[in-house]
C-alpha cells in the first residue's frame, strides 16, 4: 500500500511507523510533527476543538472513471502571511488483497499483548484502512492558489483531473483536500488550516457526447438574501434546480424576469451549490455555482 509520491512526506515527517500527524501541528512537548500512537486520541481531541479559518469545498463531474473537479477555498478569518498550498489526494476506504503489496508485515505476531498476536507474519487479506491511492496535486501541494493578501469573502479555486484506475473500488474512493502552509526549511511550520473530502460517486455524471452546457453567472455571489442569474430569453416555464455538494436536490425559491432569474436564499442553507436552469423539454440551458453565506 505504498505510493511513491508520498515518500517525501513520509521521510521528512515520520521515517518510522506507526506515527501520525494531526493537522501537521507540532504539539507542545513533542520533538517532531508525526507523533507515536500512544498520543493519537489526545491529539485528535485537541485538534477537533480548534476552529477552522477557511472553508474547503469539493465539487466536480465525471465521465466514467475520469474526474474533473474543483476545490474552492473561502476564508472566514485572515490567515497569517505565508506560502499556502493545497494538497489533494485520492483515498480508498478499504483495500483488501493477498500477495506482495497487500500482505501486512506483523512484528507483533509473537506478542501476546498485541491484537495482532498469531495473526500471521505477514498477514494475508489484511484490511488496509484509508489508503492513499494517489497524490493528485504536487507532493507538497499546489502553489499559487492563495495570494499574499487573501480577502474574506473571496473564493479561491483550483481545478484538477484524475482518472480512477479500473482496479480501484470506485464506490470507496474519496477526494481529500487540505489547505496548509509550506516552508521547505522548517517542517514545524507546515500546519493545515482545514480539510475536506468528497466521494467521487457523488460527482455529476457527464458524457462526452452531450453538448457543452453554457456556464451561467449570478450576482451577487456569494450571497445571503438573494441573487440574480444572468440569462437572456429564458422561457417562462423554465425550472431552476440546485444540488448540494452531497448530491441533495433542492428546489430554490425563484422568479423568472425579462433578463434573468431572481433567486431567494430562503430554501438554501449556507454552503456551495451547483444550480441548473432547465427548459420544459429537459434541455439544460445553463449551469453555475453559488456560495450561500
C-alpha atoms as a PDB file:
ATOM      1  CA  UNK A   1       0.000   0.000   0.000  1.00  0.00           C
ATOM      2  CA  UNK A   2       2.792   2.373  -0.943  1.00  0.00           C
ATOM      3  CA  UNK A   3       2.532   5.423  -3.182  1.00  0.00           C
ATOM      4  CA  UNK A   4       5.858   6.757  -4.427  1.00  0.00           C
ATOM      5  CA  UNK A   5       4.620  10.372  -4.349  1.00  0.00           C
ATOM      6  CA  UNK A   6       4.185  10.072  -0.560  1.00  0.00           C
ATOM      7  CA  UNK A   7       7.830   9.163   0.024  1.00  0.00           C
ATOM      8  CA  UNK A   8       8.984  12.781   0.604  1.00  0.00           C
ATOM      9  CA  UNK A   9       6.261  13.327   3.224  1.00  0.00           C
ATOM     10  CA  UNK A  10       7.000  10.025   4.953  1.00  0.00           C
ATOM     11  CA  UNK A  11      10.752  10.583   5.014  1.00  0.00           C
ATOM     12  CA  UNK A  12      10.501  14.144   6.327  1.00  0.00           C
ATOM     13  CA  UNK A  13       7.601  13.808   8.783  1.00  0.00           C
ATOM     14  CA  UNK A  14       7.939  10.289  10.193  1.00  0.00           C
ATOM     15  CA  UNK A  15      10.529   7.877   8.758  1.00  0.00           C
ATOM     16  CA  UNK A  16       9.111   5.225  11.107  1.00  0.00           C
ATOM     17  CA  UNK A  17       5.742   3.634  11.826  1.00  0.00           C
ATOM     18  CA  UNK A  18       3.241   3.769  13.364  1.00  0.00           C
ATOM     19  CA  UNK A  19       3.194   7.546  13.515  1.00  0.00           C
ATOM     20  CA  UNK A  20       0.585  10.144  12.552  1.00  0.00           C
ATOM     21  CA  UNK A  21       0.305  13.876  12.114  1.00  0.00           C
ATOM     22  CA  UNK A  22      -2.754  15.820  13.262  1.00  0.00           C
ATOM     23  CA  UNK A  23      -3.178  18.877  11.058  1.00  0.00           C
ATOM     24  CA  UNK A  24       0.638  18.659  10.792  1.00  0.00           C
ATOM     25  CA  UNK A  25       0.880  20.550  14.077  1.00  0.00           C
ATOM     26  CA  UNK A  26       3.990  20.428  16.271  1.00  0.00           C
ATOM     27  CA  UNK A  27       2.453  19.868  19.715  1.00  0.00           C
ATOM     28  CA  UNK A  28       3.935  21.170  22.938  1.00  0.00           C
ATOM     29  CA  UNK A  29       6.345  18.598  24.329  1.00  0.00           C
ATOM     30  CA  UNK A  30       6.705  16.720  21.043  1.00  0.00           C
ATOM     31  CA  UNK A  31      10.050  16.583  19.286  1.00  0.00           C
ATOM     32  CA  UNK A  32       8.533  16.149  15.803  1.00  0.00           C
ATOM     33  CA  UNK A  33       5.257  16.655  13.986  1.00  0.00           C
ATOM     34  CA  UNK A  34       4.481  12.938  13.496  1.00  0.00           C
ATOM     35  CA  UNK A  35       3.600  11.562  16.939  1.00  0.00           C
ATOM     36  CA  UNK A  36       3.500   7.994  18.262  1.00  0.00           C
ATOM     37  CA  UNK A  37       0.280   6.023  18.652  1.00  0.00           C
ATOM     38  CA  UNK A  38       0.021   6.458  22.429  1.00  0.00           C
ATOM     39  CA  UNK A  39      -0.885  10.135  21.992  1.00  0.00           C
ATOM     40  CA  UNK A  40      -3.242   9.885  18.999  1.00  0.00           C
ATOM     41  CA  UNK A  41      -6.513  10.058  20.908  1.00  0.00           C
ATOM     42  CA  UNK A  42      -5.370  13.103  22.871  1.00  0.00           C
ATOM     43  CA  UNK A  43      -4.076  14.948  19.808  1.00  0.00           C
ATOM     44  CA  UNK A  44      -7.197  14.196  17.793  1.00  0.00           C
ATOM     45  CA  UNK A  45      -9.455  15.577  20.519  1.00  0.00           C
ATOM     46  CA  UNK A  46      -7.254  18.661  20.794  1.00  0.00           C
ATOM     47  CA  UNK A  47      -7.413  19.466  17.066  1.00  0.00           C
ATOM     48  CA  UNK A  48     -11.133  18.806  16.783  1.00  0.00           C
ATOM     49  CA  UNK A  49     -11.652  21.692  19.199  1.00  0.00           C
ATOM     50  CA  UNK A  50      -9.663  24.093  17.025  1.00  0.00           C
ATOM     51  CA  UNK A  51     -11.859  26.415  14.895  1.00  0.00           C
ATOM     52  CA  UNK A  52     -11.255  26.407  11.136  1.00  0.00           C
ATOM     53  CA  UNK A  53     -10.333  29.707   9.498  1.00  0.00           C
ATOM     54  CA  UNK A  54     -11.092  28.637   5.914  1.00  0.00           C
ATOM     55  CA  UNK A  55     -13.835  26.649   4.209  1.00  0.00           C
ATOM     56  CA  UNK A  56     -12.821  23.878   1.816  1.00  0.00           C
ATOM     57  CA  UNK A  57     -15.407  22.672  -0.721  1.00  0.00           C
ATOM     58  CA  UNK A  58     -15.096  19.956  -3.379  1.00  0.00           C
ATOM     59  CA  UNK A  59     -17.360  19.590  -6.409  1.00  0.00           C
ATOM     60  CA  UNK A  60     -16.975  18.045  -9.816  1.00  0.00           C
ATOM     61  CA  UNK A  61     -18.178  15.960 -12.702  1.00  0.00           C
ATOM     62  CA  UNK A  62     -17.186  12.604 -14.086  1.00  0.00           C
ATOM     63  CA  UNK A  63     -17.308  10.738 -17.344  1.00  0.00           C
ATOM     64  CA  UNK A  64     -16.950   7.100 -16.384  1.00  0.00           C
ATOM     65  CA  UNK A  65     -13.828   6.915 -14.249  1.00  0.00           C
ATOM     66  CA  UNK A  66     -12.458  10.268 -15.445  1.00  0.00           C
ATOM     67  CA  UNK A  67     -12.919  13.000 -12.840  1.00  0.00           C
ATOM     68  CA  UNK A  68     -12.840  16.752 -13.396  1.00  0.00           C
ATOM     69  CA  UNK A  69     -13.294  18.602 -10.143  1.00  0.00           C
ATOM     70  CA  UNK A  70     -12.685  21.901  -8.374  1.00  0.00           C
ATOM     71  CA  UNK A  71     -11.558  22.809  -4.874  1.00  0.00           C
ATOM     72  CA  UNK A  72     -12.942  26.119  -3.588  1.00  0.00           C
ATOM     73  CA  UNK A  73     -11.485  27.969  -0.603  1.00  0.00           C
ATOM     74  CA  UNK A  74     -13.139  30.782   1.368  1.00  0.00           C
ATOM     75  CA  UNK A  75     -11.574  32.445   4.401  1.00  0.00           C
ATOM     76  CA  UNK A  76     -13.678  33.366   7.428  1.00  0.00           C
ATOM     77  CA  UNK A  77     -10.607  34.816   9.155  1.00  0.00           C
ATOM     78  CA  UNK A  78      -7.487  36.265   7.598  1.00  0.00           C
ATOM     79  CA  UNK A  79      -4.587  33.792   7.811  1.00  0.00           C
ATOM     80  CA  UNK A  80      -1.033  34.552   8.833  1.00  0.00           C
ATOM     81  CA  UNK A  81       1.240  35.516   5.964  1.00  0.00           C
ATOM     82  CA  UNK A  82       2.966  32.530   4.404  1.00  0.00           C
ATOM     83  CA  UNK A  83       3.172  30.132   1.484  1.00  0.00           C
ATOM     84  CA  UNK A  84      -0.264  28.480   1.455  1.00  0.00           C
ATOM     85  CA  UNK A  85      -0.654  25.340  -0.643  1.00  0.00           C
ATOM     86  CA  UNK A  86      -3.450  22.925  -1.486  1.00  0.00           C
ATOM     87  CA  UNK A  87      -2.735  19.203  -1.227  1.00  0.00           C
ATOM     88  CA  UNK A  88      -5.171  16.845  -2.970  1.00  0.00           C
ATOM     89  CA  UNK A  89      -5.285  13.069  -2.605  1.00  0.00           C
ATOM     90  CA  UNK A  90      -7.368  10.121  -3.808  1.00  0.00           C
ATOM     91  CA  UNK A  91      -8.115   7.895  -0.803  1.00  0.00           C
ATOM     92  CA  UNK A  92      -9.810   4.485  -0.764  1.00  0.00           C
ATOM     93  CA  UNK A  93     -11.768   3.497   2.351  1.00  0.00           C
ATOM     94  CA  UNK A  94     -10.706  -0.163   2.490  1.00  0.00           C
ATOM     95  CA  UNK A  95      -8.292  -2.192   0.375  1.00  0.00           C
ATOM     96  CA  UNK A  96      -8.030  -5.967   0.776  1.00  0.00           C
ATOM     97  CA  UNK A  97      -5.804  -8.344  -1.164  1.00  0.00           C
ATOM     98  CA  UNK A  98      -3.239 -11.068  -0.894  1.00  0.00           C
ATOM     99  CA  UNK A  99       0.338 -11.185  -2.070  1.00  0.00           C
ATOM    100  CA  UNK A 100       3.110  -8.605  -2.449  1.00  0.00           C
ATOM    101  CA  UNK A 101       1.839  -5.072  -1.868  1.00  0.00           C
ATOM    102  CA  UNK A 102      -1.151  -6.338   0.137  1.00  0.00           C
ATOM    103  CA  UNK A 103       0.159  -8.638   2.881  1.00  0.00           C
ATOM    104  CA  UNK A 104       0.767  -6.723   6.108  1.00  0.00           C
ATOM    105  CA  UNK A 105       4.061  -7.168   7.958  1.00  0.00           C
ATOM    106  CA  UNK A 106       3.327  -8.196  11.534  1.00  0.00           C
ATOM    107  CA  UNK A 107       6.132  -7.625  14.006  1.00  0.00           C
ATOM    108  CA  UNK A 108       3.730  -8.409  16.872  1.00  0.00           C
ATOM    109  CA  UNK A 109       2.900 -11.929  15.731  1.00  0.00           C
ATOM    110  CA  UNK A 110       4.595 -13.357  18.843  1.00  0.00           C
ATOM    111  CA  UNK A 111       3.456 -10.612  21.246  1.00  0.00           C
ATOM    112  CA  UNK A 112       0.548 -11.941  23.391  1.00  0.00           C
ATOM    113  CA  UNK A 113      -0.349  -8.367  24.404  1.00  0.00           C
ATOM    114  CA  UNK A 114      -0.978  -7.283  20.826  1.00  0.00           C
ATOM    115  CA  UNK A 115      -4.286  -7.568  18.927  1.00  0.00           C
ATOM    116  CA  UNK A 116      -2.159  -8.909  16.046  1.00  0.00           C
ATOM    117  CA  UNK A 117      -0.900 -11.853  18.113  1.00  0.00           C
ATOM    118  CA  UNK A 118      -0.646 -15.015  16.000  1.00  0.00           C
ATOM    119  CA  UNK A 119      -2.414 -13.360  13.047  1.00  0.00           C
ATOM    120  CA  UNK A 120       0.470 -14.409  10.816  1.00  0.00           C
ATOM    121  CA  UNK A 121       3.706 -12.915   9.527  1.00  0.00           C
ATOM    122  CA  UNK A 122       2.814 -11.445   7.137  1.00  0.00           C
ATOM    123  CA  UNK A 123      -0.985 -11.165   7.489  1.00  0.00           C
ATOM    124  CA  UNK A 124      -2.777 -12.069   4.224  1.00  0.00           C
ATOM    125  CA  UNK A 125      -6.078 -10.407   3.239  1.00  0.00           C
ATOM    126  CA  UNK A 126      -5.408  -7.609   5.711  1.00  0.00           C
ATOM    127  CA  UNK A 127      -7.896  -4.709   5.684  1.00  0.00           C
ATOM    128  CA  UNK A 128      -5.899  -1.587   4.875  1.00  0.00           C
ATOM    129  CA  UNK A 129      -7.967   1.407   6.002  1.00  0.00           C
ATOM    130  CA  UNK A 130      -7.962   4.901   4.425  1.00  0.00           C
ATOM    131  CA  UNK A 131      -5.352   4.090   1.802  1.00  0.00           C
ATOM    132  CA  UNK A 132      -3.882   6.978  -0.171  1.00  0.00           C
ATOM    133  CA  UNK A 133      -4.091   5.764  -3.756  1.00  0.00           C
ATOM    134  CA  UNK A 134      -2.688   8.836  -5.496  1.00  0.00           C
ATOM    135  CA  UNK A 135      -1.319  12.306  -4.842  1.00  0.00           C
ATOM    136  CA  UNK A 136      -3.233  14.414  -7.359  1.00  0.00           C
ATOM    137  CA  UNK A 137      -1.546  17.714  -6.530  1.00  0.00           C
ATOM    138  CA  UNK A 138       2.212  18.104  -6.189  1.00  0.00           C
ATOM    139  CA  UNK A 139       3.603  16.075  -3.271  1.00  0.00           C
ATOM    140  CA  UNK A 140       3.852  19.210  -1.115  1.00  0.00           C
ATOM    141  CA  UNK A 141       0.703  20.818  -2.535  1.00  0.00           C
ATOM    142  CA  UNK A 142      -0.281  23.127  -5.387  1.00  0.00           C
ATOM    143  CA  UNK A 143       1.287  26.571  -5.003  1.00  0.00           C
ATOM    144  CA  UNK A 144      -0.024  29.923  -6.227  1.00  0.00           C
ATOM    145  CA  UNK A 145      -3.733  29.499  -5.481  1.00  0.00           C
ATOM    146  CA  UNK A 146      -3.840  31.853  -2.497  1.00  0.00           C
ATOM    147  CA  UNK A 147      -2.384  35.368  -2.971  1.00  0.00           C
ATOM    148  CA  UNK A 148      -0.098  37.001  -0.409  1.00  0.00           C
ATOM    149  CA  UNK A 149      -3.007  39.057   0.912  1.00  0.00           C
ATOM    150  CA  UNK A 150      -6.184  36.958   0.655  1.00  0.00           C
ATOM    151  CA  UNK A 151      -9.568  38.522   1.341  1.00  0.00           C
ATOM    152  CA  UNK A 152     -12.506  37.326   3.386  1.00  0.00           C
ATOM    153  CA  UNK A 153     -15.490  36.573   1.124  1.00  0.00           C
ATOM    154  CA  UNK A 154     -13.391  35.934  -1.983  1.00  0.00           C
ATOM    155  CA  UNK A 155     -13.453  32.426  -3.465  1.00  0.00           C
ATOM    156  CA  UNK A 156     -10.099  30.935  -4.459  1.00  0.00           C
ATOM    157  CA  UNK A 157     -10.185  27.751  -6.512  1.00  0.00           C
ATOM    158  CA  UNK A 158      -8.113  25.216  -8.374  1.00  0.00           C
ATOM    159  CA  UNK A 159      -9.165  22.588 -10.941  1.00  0.00           C
ATOM    160  CA  UNK A 160      -7.893  19.017 -11.156  1.00  0.00           C
ATOM    161  CA  UNK A 161      -8.289  15.941 -13.342  1.00  0.00           C
ATOM    162  CA  UNK A 162      -7.854  12.359 -12.163  1.00  0.00           C
ATOM    163  CA  UNK A 163      -8.741   9.016 -13.749  1.00  0.00           C
ATOM    164  CA  UNK A 164      -9.625   6.320 -11.225  1.00  0.00           C
ATOM    165  CA  UNK A 165      -7.901   3.059 -12.270  1.00  0.00           C
ATOM    166  CA  UNK A 166     -10.223   0.152 -13.041  1.00  0.00           C
ATOM    167  CA  UNK A 167      -8.740  -1.984 -10.254  1.00  0.00           C
ATOM    168  CA  UNK A 168      -9.807   0.534  -7.578  1.00  0.00           C
ATOM    169  CA  UNK A 169     -13.236   0.307  -5.948  1.00  0.00           C
ATOM    170  CA  UNK A 170     -14.928   3.406  -7.370  1.00  0.00           C
ATOM    171  CA  UNK A 171     -17.601   3.363  -4.653  1.00  0.00           C
ATOM    172  CA  UNK A 172     -14.954   3.712  -1.934  1.00  0.00           C
ATOM    173  CA  UNK A 173     -12.769   6.446  -3.444  1.00  0.00           C
ATOM    174  CA  UNK A 174     -12.751   9.910  -1.887  1.00  0.00           C
ATOM    175  CA  UNK A 175     -11.046  13.119  -2.913  1.00  0.00           C
ATOM    176  CA  UNK A 176      -9.334  14.645   0.119  1.00  0.00           C
ATOM    177  CA  UNK A 177      -8.183  18.277   0.001  1.00  0.00           C
ATOM    178  CA  UNK A 178      -6.191  20.160   2.644  1.00  0.00           C
ATOM    179  CA  UNK A 179      -5.007  23.776   2.715  1.00  0.00           C
ATOM    180  CA  UNK A 180      -1.739  24.162   4.590  1.00  0.00           C
ATOM    181  CA  UNK A 181       1.398  26.228   4.980  1.00  0.00           C
ATOM    182  CA  UNK A 182       4.646  25.177   3.322  1.00  0.00           C
ATOM    183  CA  UNK A 183       8.161  26.006   4.441  1.00  0.00           C
ATOM    184  CA  UNK A 184      10.903  23.970   2.795  1.00  0.00           C
ATOM    185  CA  UNK A 185      13.296  24.844   5.624  1.00  0.00           C
ATOM    186  CA  UNK A 186      11.046  24.075   8.590  1.00  0.00           C
ATOM    187  CA  UNK A 187       8.695  21.078   8.837  1.00  0.00           C
ATOM    188  CA  UNK A 188       7.242  22.578  12.017  1.00  0.00           C
ATOM    189  CA  UNK A 189       5.631  25.396  10.020  1.00  0.00           C
ATOM    190  CA  UNK A 190       3.523  23.343   7.618  1.00  0.00           C
ATOM    191  CA  UNK A 191       0.320  23.007   9.625  1.00  0.00           C
ATOM    192  CA  UNK A 192      -3.093  22.514   7.996  1.00  0.00           C
ATOM    193  CA  UNK A 193      -5.775  25.218   8.222  1.00  0.00           C
ATOM    194  CA  UNK A 194      -8.668  22.973   7.158  1.00  0.00           C
ATOM    195  CA  UNK A 195      -9.506  19.939   5.046  1.00  0.00           C
ATOM    196  CA  UNK A 196     -12.498  18.232   3.485  1.00  0.00           C
ATOM    197  CA  UNK A 197     -13.364  15.150   1.467  1.00  0.00           C
ATOM    198  CA  UNK A 198     -15.983  14.023  -1.052  1.00  0.00           C
ATOM    199  CA  UNK A 199     -16.794  10.622  -2.534  1.00  0.00           C
ATOM    200  CA  UNK A 200     -16.255  10.606  -6.283  1.00  0.00           C
ATOM    201  CA  UNK A 201     -19.524   8.747  -6.895  1.00  0.00           C
ATOM    202  CA  UNK A 202     -21.309  11.921  -5.728  1.00  0.00           C
ATOM    203  CA  UNK A 203     -19.858  13.892  -8.658  1.00  0.00           C
ATOM    204  CA  UNK A 204     -22.199  14.760 -11.510  1.00  0.00           C
ATOM    205  CA  UNK A 205     -22.099  12.331 -14.400  1.00  0.00           C
ATOM    206  CA  UNK A 206     -21.316  13.838 -17.777  1.00  0.00           C
ATOM    207  CA  UNK A 207     -20.961  12.420 -21.258  1.00  0.00           C
ATOM    208  CA  UNK A 208     -18.511  13.311 -23.994  1.00  0.00           C
ATOM    209  CA  UNK A 209     -21.430  13.027 -26.438  1.00  0.00           C
ATOM    210  CA  UNK A 210     -23.506  15.678 -24.712  1.00  0.00           C
ATOM    211  CA  UNK A 211     -23.379  19.278 -25.943  1.00  0.00           C
ATOM    212  CA  UNK A 212     -21.392  21.646 -23.754  1.00  0.00           C
ATOM    213  CA  UNK A 213     -23.540  23.296 -21.102  1.00  0.00           C
ATOM    214  CA  UNK A 214     -23.415  27.095 -21.021  1.00  0.00           C
ATOM    215  CA  UNK A 215     -21.856  28.456 -17.834  1.00  0.00           C
ATOM    216  CA  UNK A 216     -24.101  30.956 -16.065  1.00  0.00           C
ATOM    217  CA  UNK A 217     -23.188  33.820 -13.757  1.00  0.00           C
ATOM    218  CA  UNK A 218     -25.214  35.267 -10.939  1.00  0.00           C
ATOM    219  CA  UNK A 219     -24.735  38.358  -8.824  1.00  0.00           C
ATOM    220  CA  UNK A 220     -24.143  38.954  -6.038  1.00  0.00           C
ATOM    221  CA  UNK A 221     -22.234  35.743  -5.431  1.00  0.00           C
ATOM    222  CA  UNK A 222     -21.555  34.913  -2.572  1.00  0.00           C
ATOM    223  CA  UNK A 223     -24.978  35.993  -1.277  1.00  0.00           C
ATOM    224  CA  UNK A 224     -27.104  35.636   1.829  1.00  0.00           C
ATOM    225  CA  UNK A 225     -30.531  37.014   0.819  1.00  0.00           C
ATOM    226  CA  UNK A 226     -30.968  36.772  -2.938  1.00  0.00           C
ATOM    227  CA  UNK A 227     -29.069  36.634  -6.212  1.00  0.00           C
ATOM    228  CA  UNK A 228     -29.840  37.182  -9.898  1.00  0.00           C
ATOM    229  CA  UNK A 229     -28.981  34.669 -12.634  1.00  0.00           C
ATOM    230  CA  UNK A 230     -27.922  36.403 -15.827  1.00  0.00           C
ATOM    231  CA  UNK A 231     -29.643  34.577 -18.694  1.00  0.00           C
ATOM    232  CA  UNK A 232     -31.442  36.152 -21.626  1.00  0.00           C
ATOM    233  CA  UNK A 233     -34.606  34.928 -23.365  1.00  0.00           C
ATOM    234  CA  UNK A 234     -35.350  32.470 -20.598  1.00  0.00           C
ATOM    235  CA  UNK A 235     -38.700  30.673 -21.116  1.00  0.00           C
ATOM    236  CA  UNK A 236     -41.380  31.434 -18.538  1.00  0.00           C
ATOM    237  CA  UNK A 237     -41.792  27.709 -17.862  1.00  0.00           C
ATOM    238  CA  UNK A 238     -38.097  27.103 -17.226  1.00  0.00           C
ATOM    239  CA  UNK A 239     -37.129  25.431 -13.955  1.00  0.00           C
ATOM    240  CA  UNK A 240     -34.253  26.196 -11.578  1.00  0.00           C
ATOM    241  CA  UNK A 241     -32.805  23.349  -9.531  1.00  0.00           C
ATOM    242  CA  UNK A 242     -29.829  23.266  -7.178  1.00  0.00           C
ATOM    243  CA  UNK A 243     -27.645  20.487  -5.801  1.00  0.00           C
ATOM    244  CA  UNK A 244     -25.625  20.493  -2.612  1.00  0.00           C
ATOM    245  CA  UNK A 245     -22.104  19.060  -2.693  1.00  0.00           C
ATOM    246  CA  UNK A 246     -23.500  15.825  -1.249  1.00  0.00           C
ATOM    247  CA  UNK A 247     -25.860  15.490  -4.225  1.00  0.00           C
ATOM    248  CA  UNK A 248     -29.063  16.577  -2.446  1.00  0.00           C
ATOM    249  CA  UNK A 249     -31.636  18.096  -4.816  1.00  0.00           C
ATOM    250  CA  UNK A 250     -33.063  21.428  -3.628  1.00  0.00           C
ATOM    251  CA  UNK A 251     -35.876  23.448  -5.158  1.00  0.00           C
ATOM    252  CA  UNK A 252     -34.907  27.097  -4.669  1.00  0.00           C
ATOM    253  CA  UNK A 253     -37.396  29.970  -4.466  1.00  0.00           C
ATOM    254  CA  UNK A 254     -37.086  31.797  -7.804  1.00  0.00           C
ATOM    255  CA  UNK A 255     -38.892  34.216 -10.098  1.00  0.00           C
ATOM    256  CA  UNK A 256     -38.323  34.463 -13.861  1.00  0.00           C
ATOM    257  CA  UNK A 257     -37.910  38.027 -15.121  1.00  0.00           C
ATOM    258  CA  UNK A 258     -37.249  39.616 -18.522  1.00  0.00           C
ATOM    259  CA  UNK A 259     -33.449  39.394 -18.477  1.00  0.00           C
ATOM    260  CA  UNK A 260     -32.801  36.646 -15.960  1.00  0.00           C
ATOM    261  CA  UNK A 261     -33.986  34.854 -12.834  1.00  0.00           C
ATOM    262  CA  UNK A 262     -34.230  36.206  -9.295  1.00  0.00           C
ATOM    263  CA  UNK A 263     -33.426  33.579  -6.653  1.00  0.00           C
ATOM    264  CA  UNK A 264     -34.111  33.949  -2.934  1.00  0.00           C
ATOM    265  CA  UNK A 265     -31.961  32.149  -0.388  1.00  0.00           C
ATOM    266  CA  UNK A 266     -34.770  31.122   1.960  1.00  0.00           C
ATOM    267  CA  UNK A 267     -34.556  27.460   0.805  1.00  0.00           C
ATOM    268  CA  UNK A 268     -30.748  27.359   0.846  1.00  0.00           C
ATOM    269  CA  UNK A 269     -28.552  26.803   3.867  1.00  0.00           C
ATOM    270  CA  UNK A 270     -25.019  28.188   3.999  1.00  0.00           C
ATOM    271  CA  UNK A 271     -22.766  26.298   1.625  1.00  0.00           C
ATOM    272  CA  UNK A 272     -21.852  25.739  -2.016  1.00  0.00           C
ATOM    273  CA  UNK A 273     -24.403  24.644  -4.632  1.00  0.00           C
ATOM    274  CA  UNK A 274     -24.419  23.724  -8.289  1.00  0.00           C
ATOM    275  CA  UNK A 275     -27.525  25.145  -9.973  1.00  0.00           C
ATOM    276  CA  UNK A 276     -29.107  24.480 -13.364  1.00  0.00           C
ATOM    277  CA  UNK A 277     -31.702  26.241 -15.476  1.00  0.00           C
ATOM    278  CA  UNK A 278     -33.747  23.613 -17.337  1.00  0.00           C
ATOM    279  CA  UNK A 279     -36.265  24.033 -20.175  1.00  0.00           C
ATOM    280  CA  UNK A 280     -39.572  22.145 -20.092  1.00  0.00           C
ATOM    281  CA  UNK A 281     -38.210  19.613 -22.632  1.00  0.00           C
ATOM    282  CA  UNK A 282     -35.378  18.725 -20.249  1.00  0.00           C
ATOM    283  CA  UNK A 283     -32.644  20.699 -22.033  1.00  0.00           C
ATOM    284  CA  UNK A 284     -30.142  22.261 -19.624  1.00  0.00           C
ATOM    285  CA  UNK A 285     -29.986  25.932 -20.603  1.00  0.00           C
ATOM    286  CA  UNK A 286     -27.076  26.671 -18.321  1.00  0.00           C
ATOM    287  CA  UNK A 287     -25.285  25.741 -15.132  1.00  0.00           C
ATOM    288  CA  UNK A 288     -23.470  27.727 -12.465  1.00  0.00           C
ATOM    289  CA  UNK A 289     -22.301  27.723  -8.871  1.00  0.00           C
ATOM    290  CA  UNK A 290     -23.484  29.575  -5.772  1.00  0.00           C
ATOM    291  CA  UNK A 291     -21.862  30.277  -2.450  1.00  0.00           C
ATOM    292  CA  UNK A 292     -24.545  30.999   0.144  1.00  0.00           C
ATOM    293  CA  UNK A 293     -23.343  32.739   3.297  1.00  0.00           C
END
